[in-house]
């Protein structure tokens, strides 16, 4: 039996943040919750059936009064899980310093 090779470079951290987003060029708004995050991307749970390859703009709402982290990403995969979808997002770009500070204070 061949084991599945792990392709991720960055450590993923479990987290639970609210996310609001929009699918670019389609004007589809969606709400989601994170289930993990890394320097390269994040995992989301949502009711929307997003499409792999779609480009998105997202706001990650941190705890307290902190301003949301704003970034762009691409839907890499989607899986139906019971009554919601799990979605893998790869960041287009994100400044790692704000992400590190946000994670340190919120996870």
PDB file of N, CA and C in Angstrom:
ATOM      1  N   UNK A   1       0.838  -1.178   0.000  1.00  0.00           N
ATOM      2  CA  UNK A   1       0.000   0.000   0.000  1.00  0.00           C
ATOM      3  C   UNK A   1       0.884   1.243   0.000  1.00  0.00           C
ATOM      4  N   UNK A   2       0.635   2.143  -0.918  1.00  0.00           N
ATOM      5  CA  UNK A   2       1.419   3.362  -1.054  1.00  0.00           C
ATOM      6  C   UNK A   2       0.817   4.472  -0.198  1.00  0.00           C
ATOM      7  N   UNK A   3       1.662   5.095   0.638  1.00  0.00           N
ATOM      8  CA  UNK A   3       1.194   6.185   1.484  1.00  0.00           C
ATOM      9  C   UNK A   3       1.092   7.471   0.676  1.00  0.00           C
ATOM     10  N   UNK A   4       0.107   8.272   0.998  1.00  0.00           N
ATOM     11  CA  UNK A   4      -0.080   9.556   0.337  1.00  0.00           C
ATOM     12  C   UNK A   4       1.019  10.508   0.785  1.00  0.00           C
ATOM     13  N   UNK A   5       1.693  11.126  -0.172  1.00  0.00           N
ATOM     14  CA  UNK A   5       2.781  12.044   0.124  1.00  0.00           C
ATOM     15  C   UNK A   5       2.239  13.410   0.531  1.00  0.00           C
ATOM     16  N   UNK A   6       2.744  13.939   1.634  1.00  0.00           N
ATOM     17  CA  UNK A   6       2.347  15.265   2.109  1.00  0.00           C
ATOM     18  C   UNK A   6       3.085  16.315   1.286  1.00  0.00           C
ATOM     19  N   UNK A   7       2.336  17.220   0.652  1.00  0.00           N
ATOM     20  CA  UNK A   7       2.931  18.240  -0.209  1.00  0.00           C
ATOM     21  C   UNK A   7       3.020  19.592   0.462  1.00  0.00           C
ATOM     22  N   UNK A   8       2.465  19.758   1.624  1.00  0.00           N
ATOM     23  CA  UNK A   8       2.480  21.065   2.279  1.00  0.00           C
ATOM     24  C   UNK A   8       3.860  21.348   2.869  1.00  0.00           C
ATOM     25  N   UNK A   9       4.264  22.603   2.773  1.00  0.00           N
ATOM     26  CA  UNK A   9       5.552  23.028   3.293  1.00  0.00           C
ATOM     27  C   UNK A   9       5.398  23.640   4.680  1.00  0.00           C
ATOM     28  N   UNK A  10       4.321  24.406   4.896  1.00  0.00           N
ATOM     29  CA  UNK A  10       4.134  25.138   6.141  1.00  0.00           C
ATOM     30  C   UNK A  10       3.227  24.384   7.109  1.00  0.00           C
ATOM     31  N   UNK A  11       3.493  24.558   8.390  1.00  0.00           N
ATOM     32  CA  UNK A  11       2.688  23.951   9.442  1.00  0.00           C
ATOM     33  C   UNK A  11       1.298  24.571   9.430  1.00  0.00           C
ATOM     34  N   UNK A  12       0.276  23.728   9.589  1.00  0.00           N
ATOM     35  CA  UNK A  12      -1.103  24.208   9.698  1.00  0.00           C
ATOM     36  C   UNK A  12      -1.483  24.288  11.170  1.00  0.00           C
ATOM     37  N   UNK A  13      -2.188  25.350  11.522  1.00  0.00           N
ATOM     38  CA  UNK A  13      -2.632  25.555  12.900  1.00  0.00           C
ATOM     39  C   UNK A  13      -4.156  25.510  12.944  1.00  0.00           C
ATOM     40  N   UNK A  14      -4.735  24.715  13.844  1.00  0.00           N
ATOM     41  CA  UNK A  14      -6.188  24.709  13.976  1.00  0.00           C
ATOM     42  C   UNK A  14      -6.651  26.092  14.449  1.00  0.00           C
ATOM     43  N   UNK A  15      -7.755  26.552  13.909  1.00  0.00           N
ATOM     44  CA  UNK A  15      -8.293  27.844  14.319  1.00  0.00           C
ATOM     45  C   UNK A  15      -9.770  27.917  13.950  1.00  0.00           C
ATOM     46  N   UNK A  16     -10.438  28.899  14.512  1.00  0.00           N
ATOM     47  CA  UNK A  16     -11.863  29.069  14.279  1.00  0.00           C
ATOM     48  C   UNK A  16     -12.178  30.560  14.186  1.00  0.00           C
ATOM     49  N   UNK A  17     -12.007  31.118  12.985  1.00  0.00           N
ATOM     50  CA  UNK A  17     -12.303  32.519  12.733  1.00  0.00           C
ATOM     51  C   UNK A  17     -13.434  32.621  11.723  1.00  0.00           C
ATOM     52  N   UNK A  18     -14.240  33.658  11.871  1.00  0.00           N
ATOM     53  CA  UNK A  18     -15.248  33.944  10.855  1.00  0.00           C
ATOM     54  C   UNK A  18     -14.547  34.542   9.644  1.00  0.00           C
ATOM     55  N   UNK A  19     -15.051  34.191   8.473  1.00  0.00           N
ATOM     56  CA  UNK A  19     -14.500  34.700   7.216  1.00  0.00           C
ATOM     57  C   UNK A  19     -15.659  35.201   6.366  1.00  0.00           C
ATOM     58  N   UNK A  20     -15.470  36.347   5.749  1.00  0.00           N
ATOM     59  CA  UNK A  20     -16.411  36.794   4.726  1.00  0.00           C
ATOM     60  C   UNK A  20     -15.626  36.923   3.438  1.00  0.00           C
ATOM     61  N   UNK A  21     -16.286  36.642   2.338  1.00  0.00           N
ATOM     62  CA  UNK A  21     -15.559  36.674   1.079  1.00  0.00           C
ATOM     63  C   UNK A  21     -16.453  36.889  -0.117  1.00  0.00           C
ATOM     64  N   UNK A  22     -15.796  37.048  -1.242  1.00  0.00           N
ATOM     65  CA  UNK A  22     -16.496  37.210  -2.511  1.00  0.00           C
ATOM     66  C   UNK A  22     -15.709  36.456  -3.579  1.00  0.00           C
ATOM     67  N   UNK A  23     -16.450  35.775  -4.458  1.00  0.00           N
ATOM     68  CA  UNK A  23     -15.829  35.127  -5.599  1.00  0.00           C
ATOM     69  C   UNK A  23     -15.669  36.200  -6.671  1.00  0.00           C
ATOM     70  N   UNK A  24     -14.425  36.457  -7.035  1.00  0.00           N
ATOM     71  CA  UNK A  24     -14.151  37.524  -7.995  1.00  0.00           C
ATOM     72  C   UNK A  24     -14.694  37.167  -9.375  1.00  0.00           C
ATOM     73  N   UNK A  25     -15.106  38.170 -10.097  1.00  0.00           N
ATOM     74  CA  UNK A  25     -15.682  38.036 -11.447  1.00  0.00           C
ATOM     75  C   UNK A  25     -17.031  37.325 -11.472  1.00  0.00           C
ATOM     76  N   UNK A  26     -17.567  36.949 -10.315  1.00  0.00           N
ATOM     77  CA  UNK A  26     -18.887  36.321 -10.264  1.00  0.00           C
ATOM     78  C   UNK A  26     -19.815  37.044  -9.300  1.00  0.00           C
ATOM     79  N   UNK A  27     -19.257  37.939  -8.490  1.00  0.00           N
ATOM     80  CA  UNK A  27     -20.025  38.690  -7.490  1.00  0.00           C
ATOM     81  C   UNK A  27     -20.849  37.788  -6.582  1.00  0.00           C
ATOM     82  N   UNK A  28     -20.283  36.651  -6.207  1.00  0.00           N
ATOM     83  CA  UNK A  28     -20.938  35.746  -5.262  1.00  0.00           C
ATOM     84  C   UNK A  28     -20.303  35.965  -3.890  1.00  0.00           C
ATOM     85  N   UNK A  29     -21.117  36.408  -2.938  1.00  0.00           N
ATOM     86  CA  UNK A  29     -20.637  36.586  -1.574  1.00  0.00           C
ATOM     87  C   UNK A  29     -20.833  35.298  -0.795  1.00  0.00           C
ATOM     88  N   UNK A  30     -19.929  35.055   0.174  1.00  0.00           N
ATOM     89  CA  UNK A  30     -20.073  33.855   1.007  1.00  0.00           C
ATOM     90  C   UNK A  30     -19.544  34.138   2.409  1.00  0.00           C
ATOM     91  N   UNK A  31     -20.040  33.340   3.342  1.00  0.00           N
ATOM     92  CA  UNK A  31     -19.571  33.369   4.723  1.00  0.00           C
ATOM     93  C   UNK A  31     -18.965  31.999   5.007  1.00  0.00           C
ATOM     94  N   UNK A  32     -17.972  31.974   5.891  1.00  0.00           N
ATOM     95  CA  UNK A  32     -17.295  30.718   6.190  1.00  0.00           C
ATOM     96  C   UNK A  32     -16.683  30.784   7.584  1.00  0.00           C
ATOM     97  N   UNK A  33     -16.155  29.651   8.022  1.00  0.00           N
ATOM     98  CA  UNK A  33     -15.389  29.531   9.260  1.00  0.00           C
ATOM     99  C   UNK A  33     -14.082  28.850   8.892  1.00  0.00           C
ATOM    100  N   UNK A  34     -12.979  29.310   9.465  1.00  0.00           N
ATOM    101  CA  UNK A  34     -11.721  28.607   9.245  1.00  0.00           C
ATOM    102  C   UNK A  34     -11.688  27.353  10.116  1.00  0.00           C
ATOM    103  N   UNK A  35     -10.965  26.335   9.655  1.00  0.00           N
ATOM    104  CA  UNK A  35     -10.668  25.205  10.539  1.00  0.00           C
ATOM    105  C   UNK A  35      -9.164  25.013  10.686  1.00  0.00           C
ATOM    106  N   UNK A  36      -8.371  25.586   9.760  1.00  0.00           N
ATOM    107  CA  UNK A  36      -6.930  25.658   9.951  1.00  0.00           C
ATOM    108  C   UNK A  36      -6.357  26.766   9.083  1.00  0.00           C
ATOM    109  N   UNK A  37      -5.110  27.144   9.414  1.00  0.00           N
ATOM    110  CA  UNK A  37      -4.456  28.222   8.684  1.00  0.00           C
ATOM    111  C   UNK A  37      -2.954  27.972   8.686  1.00  0.00           C
ATOM    112  N   UNK A  38      -2.296  28.410   7.618  1.00  0.00           N
ATOM    113  CA  UNK A  38      -0.839  28.342   7.535  1.00  0.00           C
ATOM    114  C   UNK A  38      -0.362  29.576   6.787  1.00  0.00           C
ATOM    115  N   UNK A  39       0.946  29.682   6.591  1.00  0.00           N
ATOM    116  CA  UNK A  39       1.491  30.815   5.848  1.00  0.00           C
ATOM    117  C   UNK A  39       1.099  30.760   4.382  1.00  0.00           C
ATOM    118  N   UNK A  40       0.713  29.587   3.894  1.00  0.00           N
ATOM    119  CA  UNK A  40       0.398  29.412   2.479  1.00  0.00           C
ATOM    120  C   UNK A  40      -1.096  29.459   2.161  1.00  0.00           C
ATOM    121  N   UNK A  41      -1.937  29.140   3.150  1.00  0.00           N
ATOM    122  CA  UNK A  41      -3.369  29.106   2.866  1.00  0.00           C
ATOM    123  C   UNK A  41      -4.182  28.766   4.094  1.00  0.00           C
ATOM    124  N   UNK A  42      -5.437  28.420   3.858  1.00  0.00           N
ATOM    125  CA  UNK A  42      -6.307  28.067   4.979  1.00  0.00           C
ATOM    126  C   UNK A  42      -7.383  27.088   4.546  1.00  0.00           C
ATOM    127  N   UNK A  43      -7.951  26.440   5.543  1.00  0.00           N
ATOM    128  CA  UNK A  43      -9.087  25.553   5.333  1.00  0.00           C
ATOM    129  C   UNK A  43     -10.344  26.245   5.821  1.00  0.00           C
ATOM    130  N   UNK A  44     -11.403  26.163   5.015  1.00  0.00           N
ATOM    131  CA  UNK A  44     -12.671  26.789   5.349  1.00  0.00           C
ATOM    132  C   UNK A  44     -13.794  25.772   5.387  1.00  0.00           C
ATOM    133  N   UNK A  45     -14.827  26.081   6.174  1.00  0.00           N
ATOM    134  CA  UNK A  45     -16.101  25.365   6.141  1.00  0.00           C
ATOM    135  C   UNK A  45     -17.154  26.387   5.742  1.00  0.00           C
ATOM    136  N   UNK A  46     -17.995  26.041   4.756  1.00  0.00           N
ATOM    137  CA  UNK A  46     -18.996  26.976   4.254  1.00  0.00           C
ATOM    138  C   UNK A  46     -20.206  26.227   3.716  1.00  0.00           C
ATOM    139  N   UNK A  47     -21.301  26.942   3.580  1.00  0.00           N
ATOM    140  CA  UNK A  47     -22.510  26.388   2.968  1.00  0.00           C
ATOM    141  C   UNK A  47     -22.491  26.555   1.446  1.00  0.00           C
ATOM    142  N   UNK A  48     -21.616  27.437   0.935  1.00  0.00           N
ATOM    143  CA  UNK A  48     -21.530  27.718  -0.499  1.00  0.00           C
ATOM    144  C   UNK A  48     -20.720  26.652  -1.220  1.00  0.00           C
ATOM    145  N   UNK A  49     -21.199  26.242  -2.369  1.00  0.00           N
ATOM    146  CA  UNK A  49     -20.444  25.308  -3.201  1.00  0.00           C
ATOM    147  C   UNK A  49     -19.516  26.119  -4.102  1.00  0.00           C
ATOM    148  N   UNK A  50     -18.319  26.380  -3.583  1.00  0.00           N
ATOM    149  CA  UNK A  50     -17.329  27.134  -4.336  1.00  0.00           C
ATOM    150  C   UNK A  50     -16.675  26.207  -5.362  1.00  0.00           C
ATOM    151  N   UNK A  51     -16.039  26.771  -6.366  1.00  0.00           N
ATOM    152  CA  UNK A  51     -15.506  25.997  -7.479  1.00  0.00           C
ATOM    153  C   UNK A  51     -13.971  26.057  -7.482  1.00  0.00           C
ATOM    154  N   UNK A  52     -13.296  24.896  -7.517  1.00  0.00           N
ATOM    155  CA  UNK A  52     -11.832  24.915  -7.618  1.00  0.00           C
ATOM    156  C   UNK A  52     -11.394  25.742  -8.826  1.00  0.00           C
ATOM    157  N   UNK A  53     -10.387  26.565  -8.606  1.00  0.00           N
ATOM    158  CA  UNK A  53      -9.899  27.455  -9.653  1.00  0.00           C
ATOM    159  C   UNK A  53     -10.426  28.870  -9.523  1.00  0.00           C
ATOM    160  N   UNK A  54     -11.534  29.049  -8.794  1.00  0.00           N
ATOM    161  CA  UNK A  54     -12.077  30.394  -8.597  1.00  0.00           C
ATOM    162  C   UNK A  54     -11.123  31.229  -7.747  1.00  0.00           C
ATOM    163  N   UNK A  55     -10.999  32.499  -8.093  1.00  0.00           N
ATOM    164  CA  UNK A  55     -10.227  33.457  -7.306  1.00  0.00           C
ATOM    165  C   UNK A  55     -11.175  34.172  -6.361  1.00  0.00           C
ATOM    166  N   UNK A  56     -10.729  34.342  -5.116  1.00  0.00           N
ATOM    167  CA  UNK A  56     -11.580  34.938  -4.091  1.00  0.00           C
ATOM    168  C   UNK A  56     -10.853  36.076  -3.370  1.00  0.00           C
ATOM    169  N   UNK A  57     -11.651  36.962  -2.808  1.00  0.00           N
ATOM    170  CA  UNK A  57     -11.172  38.000  -1.914  1.00  0.00           C
ATOM    171  C   UNK A  57     -11.789  37.698  -0.561  1.00  0.00           C
ATOM    172  N   UNK A  58     -10.961  37.673   0.495  1.00  0.00           N
ATOM    173  CA  UNK A  58     -11.489  37.295   1.815  1.00  0.00           C
ATOM    174  C   UNK A  58     -11.025  38.247   2.905  1.00  0.00           C
ATOM    175  N   UNK A  59     -11.848  38.294   3.958  1.00  0.00           N
ATOM    176  CA  UNK A  59     -11.553  39.026   5.186  1.00  0.00           C
ATOM    177  C   UNK A  59     -11.654  38.018   6.324  1.00  0.00           C
ATOM    178  N   UNK A  60     -10.566  37.827   7.041  1.00  0.00           N
ATOM    179  CA  UNK A  60     -10.520  36.920   8.187  1.00  0.00           C
ATOM    180  C   UNK A  60     -10.736  37.769   9.430  1.00  0.00           C
ATOM    181  N   UNK A  61     -11.860  37.539  10.116  1.00  0.00           N
ATOM    182  CA  UNK A  61     -12.252  38.339  11.272  1.00  0.00           C
ATOM    183  C   UNK A  61     -11.641  37.747  12.536  1.00  0.00           C
ATOM    184  N   UNK A  62     -10.711  38.494  13.111  1.00  0.00           N
ATOM    185  CA  UNK A  62     -10.006  38.051  14.306  1.00  0.00           C
ATOM    186  C   UNK A  62     -10.840  38.338  15.548  1.00  0.00           C
ATOM    187  N   UNK A  63     -10.384  37.804  16.659  1.00  0.00           N
ATOM    188  CA  UNK A  63     -11.102  38.019  17.918  1.00  0.00           C
ATOM    189  C   UNK A  63     -10.926  39.453  18.400  1.00  0.00           C
ATOM    190  N   UNK A  64     -11.878  39.934  19.145  1.00  0.00           N
ATOM    191  CA  UNK A  64     -11.791  41.270  19.718  1.00  0.00           C
ATOM    192  C   UNK A  64     -11.998  42.363  18.691  1.00  0.00           C
ATOM    193  N   UNK A  65     -11.313  43.467  18.899  1.00  0.00           N
ATOM    194  CA  UNK A  65     -11.485  44.646  18.053  1.00  0.00           C
ATOM    195  C   UNK A  65     -10.469  44.733  16.918  1.00  0.00           C
ATOM    196  N   UNK A  66      -9.681  43.696  16.724  1.00  0.00           N
ATOM    197  CA  UNK A  66      -8.655  43.734  15.677  1.00  0.00           C
ATOM    198  C   UNK A  66      -9.301  43.863  14.297  1.00  0.00           C
ATOM    199  N   UNK A  67      -8.655  44.630  13.445  1.00  0.00           N
ATOM    200  CA  UNK A  67      -9.141  44.759  12.064  1.00  0.00           C
ATOM    201  C   UNK A  67      -8.995  43.414  11.360  1.00  0.00           C
ATOM    202  N   UNK A  68      -9.920  43.072  10.474  1.00  0.00           N
ATOM    203  CA  UNK A  68      -9.818  41.798   9.767  1.00  0.00           C
ATOM    204  C   UNK A  68      -8.588  41.764   8.856  1.00  0.00           C
ATOM    205  N   UNK A  69      -8.015  40.571   8.715  1.00  0.00           N
ATOM    206  CA  UNK A  69      -6.943  40.378   7.743  1.00  0.00           C
ATOM    207  C   UNK A  69      -7.590  40.286   6.370  1.00  0.00           C
ATOM    208  N   UNK A  70      -7.081  41.021   5.420  1.00  0.00           N
ATOM    209  CA  UNK A  70      -7.636  41.055   4.069  1.00  0.00           C
ATOM    210  C   UNK A  70      -6.623  40.439   3.116  1.00  0.00           C
ATOM    211  N   UNK A  71      -7.066  39.520   2.260  1.00  0.00           N
ATOM    212  CA  UNK A  71      -6.168  38.917   1.282  1.00  0.00           C
ATOM    213  C   UNK A  71      -6.963  38.333   0.123  1.00  0.00           C
ATOM    214  N   UNK A  72      -6.236  37.837  -0.830  1.00  0.00           N
ATOM    215  CA  UNK A  72      -6.818  37.173  -1.991  1.00  0.00           C
ATOM    216  C   UNK A  72      -6.313  35.741  -2.030  1.00  0.00           C
ATOM    217  N   UNK A  73      -7.094  34.858  -2.621  1.00  0.00           N
ATOM    218  CA  UNK A  73      -6.679  33.475  -2.721  1.00  0.00           C
ATOM    219  C   UNK A  73      -7.350  32.766  -3.876  1.00  0.00           C
ATOM    220  N   UNK A  74      -7.029  31.498  -3.980  1.00  0.00           N
ATOM    221  CA  UNK A  74      -7.580  30.656  -5.039  1.00  0.00           C
ATOM    222  C   UNK A  74      -8.123  29.385  -4.405  1.00  0.00           C
ATOM    223  N   UNK A  75      -9.321  28.975  -4.820  1.00  0.00           N
ATOM    224  CA  UNK A  75      -9.901  27.719  -4.342  1.00  0.00           C
ATOM    225  C   UNK A  75      -9.127  26.570  -4.988  1.00  0.00           C
ATOM    226  N   UNK A  76      -8.522  25.733  -4.151  1.00  0.00           N
ATOM    227  CA  UNK A  76      -7.712  24.618  -4.657  1.00  0.00           C
ATOM    228  C   UNK A  76      -8.491  23.305  -4.694  1.00  0.00           C
ATOM    229  N   UNK A  77      -9.365  23.098  -3.713  1.00  0.00           N
ATOM    230  CA  UNK A  77     -10.172  21.878  -3.652  1.00  0.00           C
ATOM    231  C   UNK A  77     -11.425  22.141  -2.825  1.00  0.00           C
ATOM    232  N   UNK A  78     -12.411  21.270  -3.000  1.00  0.00           N
ATOM    233  CA  UNK A  78     -13.648  21.359  -2.211  1.00  0.00           C
ATOM    234  C   UNK A  78     -14.168  19.950  -1.979  1.00  0.00           C
ATOM    235  N   UNK A  79     -14.675  19.689  -0.774  1.00  0.00           N
ATOM    236  CA  UNK A  79     -15.248  18.380  -0.427  1.00  0.00           C
ATOM    237  C   UNK A  79     -16.558  18.585   0.323  1.00  0.00           C
ATOM    238  N   UNK A  80     -17.572  17.840  -0.076  1.00  0.00           N
ATOM    239  CA  UNK A  80     -18.859  17.867   0.628  1.00  0.00           C
ATOM    240  C   UNK A  80     -18.715  17.010   1.880  1.00  0.00           C
ATOM    241  N   UNK A  81     -19.063  17.583   3.019  1.00  0.00           N
ATOM    242  CA  UNK A  81     -19.016  16.869   4.297  1.00  0.00           C
ATOM    243  C   UNK A  81     -20.351  17.092   4.988  1.00  0.00           C
ATOM    244  N   UNK A  82     -21.179  16.066   5.000  1.00  0.00           N
ATOM    245  CA  UNK A  82     -22.521  16.093   5.577  1.00  0.00           C
ATOM    246  C   UNK A  82     -23.314  17.272   5.019  1.00  0.00           C
ATOM    247  N   UNK A  83     -23.489  18.355   5.789  1.00  0.00           N
ATOM    248  CA  UNK A  83     -24.339  19.464   5.321  1.00  0.00           C
ATOM    249  C   UNK A  83     -23.560  20.747   5.030  1.00  0.00           C
ATOM    250  N   UNK A  84     -22.254  20.612   4.771  1.00  0.00           N
ATOM    251  CA  UNK A  84     -21.435  21.767   4.436  1.00  0.00           C
ATOM    252  C   UNK A  84     -20.294  21.343   3.521  1.00  0.00           C
ATOM    253  N   UNK A  85     -19.503  22.308   3.109  1.00  0.00           N
ATOM    254  CA  UNK A  85     -18.353  22.045   2.252  1.00  0.00           C
ATOM    255  C   UNK A  85     -17.080  22.430   2.983  1.00  0.00           C
ATOM    256  N   UNK A  86     -16.056  21.600   2.840  1.00  0.00           N
ATOM    257  CA  UNK A  86     -14.714  21.958   3.283  1.00  0.00           C
ATOM    258  C   UNK A  86     -13.966  22.405   2.044  1.00  0.00           C
ATOM    259  N   UNK A  87     -13.234  23.510   2.186  1.00  0.00           N
ATOM    260  CA  UNK A  87     -12.592  24.154   1.046  1.00  0.00           C
ATOM    261  C   UNK A  87     -11.135  24.457   1.386  1.00  0.00           C
ATOM    262  N   UNK A  88     -10.239  24.152   0.461  1.00  0.00           N
ATOM    263  CA  UNK A  88      -8.833  24.516   0.606  1.00  0.00           C
ATOM    264  C   UNK A  88      -8.543  25.767  -0.202  1.00  0.00           C
ATOM    265  N   UNK A  89      -7.954  26.771   0.442  1.00  0.00           N
ATOM    266  CA  UNK A  89      -7.639  28.047  -0.202  1.00  0.00           C
ATOM    267  C   UNK A  89      -6.135  28.271  -0.138  1.00  0.00           C
ATOM    268  N   UNK A  90      -5.553  28.619  -1.268  1.00  0.00           N
ATOM    269  CA  UNK A  90      -4.146  29.003  -1.313  1.00  0.00           C
ATOM    270  C   UNK A  90      -4.091  30.513  -1.449  1.00  0.00           C
ATOM    271  N   UNK A  91      -3.355  31.174  -0.543  1.00  0.00           N
ATOM    272  CA  UNK A  91      -3.231  32.621  -0.596  1.00  0.00           C
ATOM    273  C   UNK A  91      -2.483  33.028  -1.863  1.00  0.00           C
ATOM    274  N   UNK A  92      -2.951  34.118  -2.507  1.00  0.00           N
ATOM    275  CA  UNK A  92      -2.184  34.710  -3.603  1.00  0.00           C
ATOM    276  C   UNK A  92      -0.947  35.385  -3.027  1.00  0.00           C
ATOM    277  N   UNK A  93      -1.175  36.133  -1.965  1.00  0.00           N
ATOM    278  CA  UNK A  93      -0.079  36.775  -1.244  1.00  0.00           C
ATOM    279  C   UNK A  93      -0.631  37.213   0.101  1.00  0.00           C
ATOM    280  N   UNK A  94       0.217  37.223   1.056  1.00  0.00           N
ATOM    281  CA  UNK A  94      -0.169  37.673   2.390  1.00  0.00           C
ATOM    282  C   UNK A  94       1.101  38.101   3.087  1.00  0.00           C
ATOM    283  N   UNK A  95       1.066  39.224   3.738  1.00  0.00           N
ATOM    284  CA  UNK A  95       2.231  39.655   4.491  1.00  0.00           C
ATOM    285  C   UNK A  95       2.326  38.774   5.732  1.00  0.00           C
ATOM    286  N   UNK A  96       3.433  38.050   5.866  1.00  0.00           N
ATOM    287  CA  UNK A  96       3.553  37.056   6.928  1.00  0.00           C
ATOM    288  C   UNK A  96       3.651  37.674   8.318  1.00  0.00           C
ATOM    289  N   UNK A  97       4.188  38.865   8.439  1.00  0.00           N
ATOM    290  CA  UNK A  97       4.285  39.487   9.759  1.00  0.00           C
ATOM    291  C   UNK A  97       2.913  39.721  10.374  1.00  0.00           C
ATOM    292  N   UNK A  98       1.953  40.355   9.663  1.00  0.00           N
ATOM    293  CA  UNK A  98       0.617  40.507  10.261  1.00  0.00           C
ATOM    294  C   UNK A  98      -0.038  39.159  10.564  1.00  0.00           C
ATOM    295  N   UNK A  99       0.179  38.172   9.704  1.00  0.00           N
ATOM    296  CA  UNK A  99      -0.393  36.848   9.959  1.00  0.00           C
ATOM    297  C   UNK A  99       0.198  36.259  11.229  1.00  0.00           C
ATOM    298  N   UNK A 100       1.513  36.359  11.388  1.00  0.00           N
ATOM    299  CA  UNK A 100       2.161  35.817  12.583  1.00  0.00           C
ATOM    300  C   UNK A 100       1.679  36.491  13.849  1.00  0.00           C
ATOM    301  N   UNK A 101       1.581  37.802  13.826  1.00  0.00           N
ATOM    302  CA  UNK A 101       1.096  38.548  14.992  1.00  0.00           C
ATOM    303  C   UNK A 101      -0.347  38.167  15.298  1.00  0.00           C
ATOM    304  N   UNK A 102      -1.173  38.074  14.264  1.00  0.00           N
ATOM    305  CA  UNK A 102      -2.583  37.726  14.454  1.00  0.00           C
ATOM    306  C   UNK A 102      -2.714  36.323  15.047  1.00  0.00           C
ATOM    307  N   UNK A 103      -1.958  35.377  14.539  1.00  0.00           N
ATOM    308  CA  UNK A 103      -2.038  34.012  15.053  1.00  0.00           C
ATOM    309  C   UNK A 103      -1.553  33.926  16.488  1.00  0.00           C
ATOM    310  N   UNK A 104      -0.476  34.635  16.798  1.00  0.00           N
ATOM    311  CA  UNK A 104       0.060  34.609  18.147  1.00  0.00           C
ATOM    312  C   UNK A 104      -0.947  35.126  19.170  1.00  0.00           C
ATOM    313  N   UNK A 105      -1.735  36.135  18.776  1.00  0.00           N
ATOM    314  CA  UNK A 105      -2.697  36.734  19.702  1.00  0.00           C
ATOM    315  C   UNK A 105      -4.061  36.055  19.691  1.00  0.00           C
ATOM    316  N   UNK A 106      -4.351  35.256  18.659  1.00  0.00           N
ATOM    317  CA  UNK A 106      -5.706  34.736  18.491  1.00  0.00           C
ATOM    318  C   UNK A 106      -5.822  33.224  18.537  1.00  0.00           C
ATOM    319  N   UNK A 107      -4.732  32.508  18.540  1.00  0.00           N
ATOM    320  CA  UNK A 107      -4.838  31.034  18.565  1.00  0.00           C
ATOM    321  C   UNK A 107      -4.380  30.527  19.909  1.00  0.00           C
TER     322      UNK A 107
END
